[in-house]
C-alpha atoms as a PDB file:
ATOM      1  CA  MET A   1       0.000  -0.007   0.007  1.00  0.00           C
ATOM      2  CA  GLN A   2       1.077   3.533  -0.617  1.00  0.00           C
ATOM      3  CA  MET A   3      -0.118   5.994   2.013  1.00  0.00           C
ATOM      4  CA  LEU A   4       0.111   9.753   1.887  1.00  0.00           C
ATOM      5  CA  SER A   5       0.177  11.352   5.338  1.00  0.00           C
ATOM      6  CA  ARG A   6       0.370  14.823   6.819  1.00  0.00           C
ATOM      7  CA  VAL A   7       2.725  14.691   9.779  1.00  0.00           C
ATOM      8  CA  ASP A   8       3.480  17.431  12.309  1.00  0.00           C
ATOM      9  CA  ARG A   9       6.887  18.406  13.742  1.00  0.00           C
ATOM     10  CA  ASP A  10       6.400  16.063  16.687  1.00  0.00           C
ATOM     11  CA  GLY A  11       5.954  13.103  14.261  1.00  0.00           C
ATOM     12  CA  ARG A  12       2.216  12.639  14.912  1.00  0.00           C
ATOM     13  CA  THR A  13       0.120  11.795  11.887  1.00  0.00           C
ATOM     14  CA  GLN A  14      -2.516  14.514  11.373  1.00  0.00           C
ATOM     15  CA  SER A  15      -4.295  12.934   8.397  1.00  0.00           C
ATOM     16  CA  THR A  16      -3.650  10.081   5.953  1.00  0.00           C
ATOM     17  CA  THR A  17      -5.040   8.785   2.706  1.00  0.00           C
ATOM     18  CA  VAL A  18      -4.481   5.741   0.509  1.00  0.00           C
ATOM     19  CA  ARG A  19      -2.777   6.441  -2.823  1.00  0.00           C
ATOM     20  CA  TYR A  20      -2.615   2.779  -3.908  1.00  0.00           C
ATOM     21  CA  SER A  21      -3.621  -0.594  -2.485  1.00  0.00           C
ATOM     22  CA  SER A  22      -3.910  -4.117  -3.685  1.00  0.00           C
ATOM     23  CA  PRO A  23      -6.497  -5.518  -3.791  1.00  0.00           C
ATOM     24  CA  ALA A  24      -7.967  -2.047  -4.316  1.00  0.00           C
ATOM     25  CA  GLY A  25     -10.042  -0.835  -1.392  1.00  0.00           C
ATOM     26  CA  ARG A  26     -10.337  -4.193   0.427  1.00  0.00           C
ATOM     27  CA  HIS A  27      -8.130  -3.360   3.464  1.00  0.00           C
ATOM     28  CA  ASP A  28      -8.025   0.427   3.183  1.00  0.00           C
ATOM     29  CA  ALA A  29     -10.014   1.209   6.400  1.00  0.00           C
ATOM     30  CA  ALA A  30      -7.869  -1.064   8.588  1.00  0.00           C
ATOM     31  CA  ALA A  31      -4.614   0.242   7.035  1.00  0.00           C
ATOM     32  CA  LEU A  32      -5.747   3.896   7.444  1.00  0.00           C
ATOM     33  CA  ALA A  33      -6.519   3.307  11.130  1.00  0.00           C
ATOM     34  CA  TYR A  34      -3.101   1.687  11.690  1.00  0.00           C
ATOM     35  CA  THR A  35      -1.222   4.424   9.809  1.00  0.00           C
ATOM     36  CA  ALA A  36      -3.064   7.155  11.722  1.00  0.00           C
ATOM     37  CA  ARG A  37      -1.653   5.762  14.993  1.00  0.00           C
ATOM     38  CA  THR A  38       1.993   5.672  13.815  1.00  0.00           C
ATOM     39  CA  VAL A  39       4.625   8.225  14.848  1.00  0.00           C
ATOM     40  CA  VAL A  40       7.333   9.403  12.496  1.00  0.00           C
ATOM     41  CA  GLU A  41      10.872   9.820  13.909  1.00  0.00           C
ATOM     42  CA  TRP A  42      12.330  12.736  12.040  1.00  0.00           C
ATOM     43  CA  ILE A  43      16.106  12.936  11.466  1.00  0.00           C
ATOM     44  CA  GLU A  44      15.585  16.681  11.244  1.00  0.00           C
ATOM     45  CA  PRO A  45      12.084  17.961  11.977  1.00  0.00           C
ATOM     46  CA  PRO A  46      10.529  20.104   9.245  1.00  0.00           C
ATOM     47  CA  GLU A  47       9.688  23.781   9.842  1.00  0.00           C
ATOM     48  CA  THR A  48       5.996  23.075   9.549  1.00  0.00           C
ATOM     49  CA  THR A  49       3.655  20.083   9.044  1.00  0.00           C
ATOM     50  CA  ALA A  50       5.064  17.946   6.234  1.00  0.00           C
ATOM     51  CA  CYS A  51       3.407  15.723   3.701  1.00  0.00           C
ATOM     52  CA  ILE A  52       5.120  12.349   3.306  1.00  0.00           C
ATOM     53  CA  GLN A  53       4.476   9.257   1.225  1.00  0.00           C
ATOM     54  CA  ARG A  54       4.987   5.904   2.868  1.00  0.00           C
ATOM     55  CA  THR A  55       4.986   2.496   1.218  1.00  0.00           C
ATOM     56  CA  GLN A  56       3.870  -0.090   3.747  1.00  0.00           C
ATOM     57  CA  VAL A  57       3.432  -3.833   3.565  1.00  0.00           C
ATOM     58  CA  PHE A  58       0.817  -5.263   5.902  1.00  0.00           C
ATOM     59  CA  CYS A  59      -0.113  -8.769   6.896  1.00  0.00           C
ATOM     60  CA  VAL A  60      -3.873  -9.019   7.211  1.00  0.00           C
ATOM     61  CA  GLU A  61      -6.268 -11.547   8.670  1.00  0.00           C
ATOM     62  CA  ASP A  62      -8.935 -12.787   6.268  1.00  0.00           C
ATOM     63  CA  ALA A  63     -12.150 -10.825   6.547  1.00  0.00           C
ATOM     64  CA  ALA A  64     -14.145 -13.972   7.259  1.00  0.00           C
ATOM     65  CA  ARG A  65     -12.033 -14.756  10.345  1.00  0.00           C
ATOM     66  CA  ASP A  66     -11.424 -11.384  11.941  1.00  0.00           C
ATOM     67  CA  ARG A  67     -13.240  -8.647  10.029  1.00  0.00           C
ATOM     68  CA  THR A  68      -9.968  -7.710   8.256  1.00  0.00           C
ATOM     69  CA  ALA A  69      -7.554  -6.727  10.997  1.00  0.00           C
ATOM     70  CA  VAL A  70      -4.186  -5.216  10.141  1.00  0.00           C
ATOM     71  CA  LEU A  71      -1.660  -7.114  12.221  1.00  0.00           C
ATOM     72  CA  HIS A  72       1.617  -5.316  11.773  1.00  0.00           C
ATOM     73  CA  PRO A  73       3.789  -3.931   8.945  1.00  0.00           C
ATOM     74  CA  VAL A  74       5.368  -6.880   7.159  1.00  0.00           C
ATOM     75  CA  CYS A  75       4.513  -9.556   9.754  1.00  0.00           C
ATOM     76  CA  GLU A  76       3.531  -9.938  13.333  1.00  0.00           C
ATOM     77  CA  PRO A  77       6.145 -11.804  15.400  1.00  0.00           C
ATOM     78  CA  GLN A  78       5.571 -15.552  15.268  1.00  0.00           C
ATOM     79  CA  ARG A  79       4.822 -15.905  19.004  1.00  0.00           C
ATOM     80  CA  GLU A  80       2.218 -13.094  18.890  1.00  0.00           C
ATOM     81  CA  ARG A  81       0.596 -14.613  15.867  1.00  0.00           C
ATOM     82  CA  GLN A  82       0.350 -18.023  17.571  1.00  0.00           C
ATOM     83  CA  ARG A  83      -1.268 -16.409  20.643  1.00  0.00           C
ATOM     84  CA  ARG A  84      -3.737 -14.529  18.438  1.00  0.00           C
ATOM     85  CA  GLU A  85      -4.712 -17.761  16.642  1.00  0.00           C
ATOM     86  CA  ARG A  86      -5.272 -19.594  19.914  1.00  0.00           C
ATOM     87  CA  ARG A  87      -7.547 -16.766  21.150  1.00  0.00           C
ATOM     88  CA  LEU A  88      -9.520 -16.907  17.898  1.00  0.00           C
ATOM     89  CA  ASN A  89      -9.876 -20.654  18.116  1.00  0.00           C
ATOM     90  CA  ARG A  90     -11.111 -20.461  21.738  1.00  0.00           C
ATOM     91  CA  ALA A  91     -13.639 -17.825  20.767  1.00  0.00           C
ATOM     92  CA  ARG A  92     -15.270 -20.129  18.178  1.00  0.00           C
END
């Protein structure tokens, strides 16, 4: 996914939008929610709020299992994933 975000000097995301996703639109809401919570660590803070483009890779749960939940950029650590699967199996 390619996300376009407005980020303030403190690194907090003020707003974000999806520029590209695949499959188009399927996981946008979950990815937007995740990206909105992220904090940018500036090497040198900009003078004002900056607009940045981020390319992020997400692992997602199937919509049928967990209403499309974004787990973590790239992949959730194996131990956390196993814990999550056990909780889901117990809930069934």
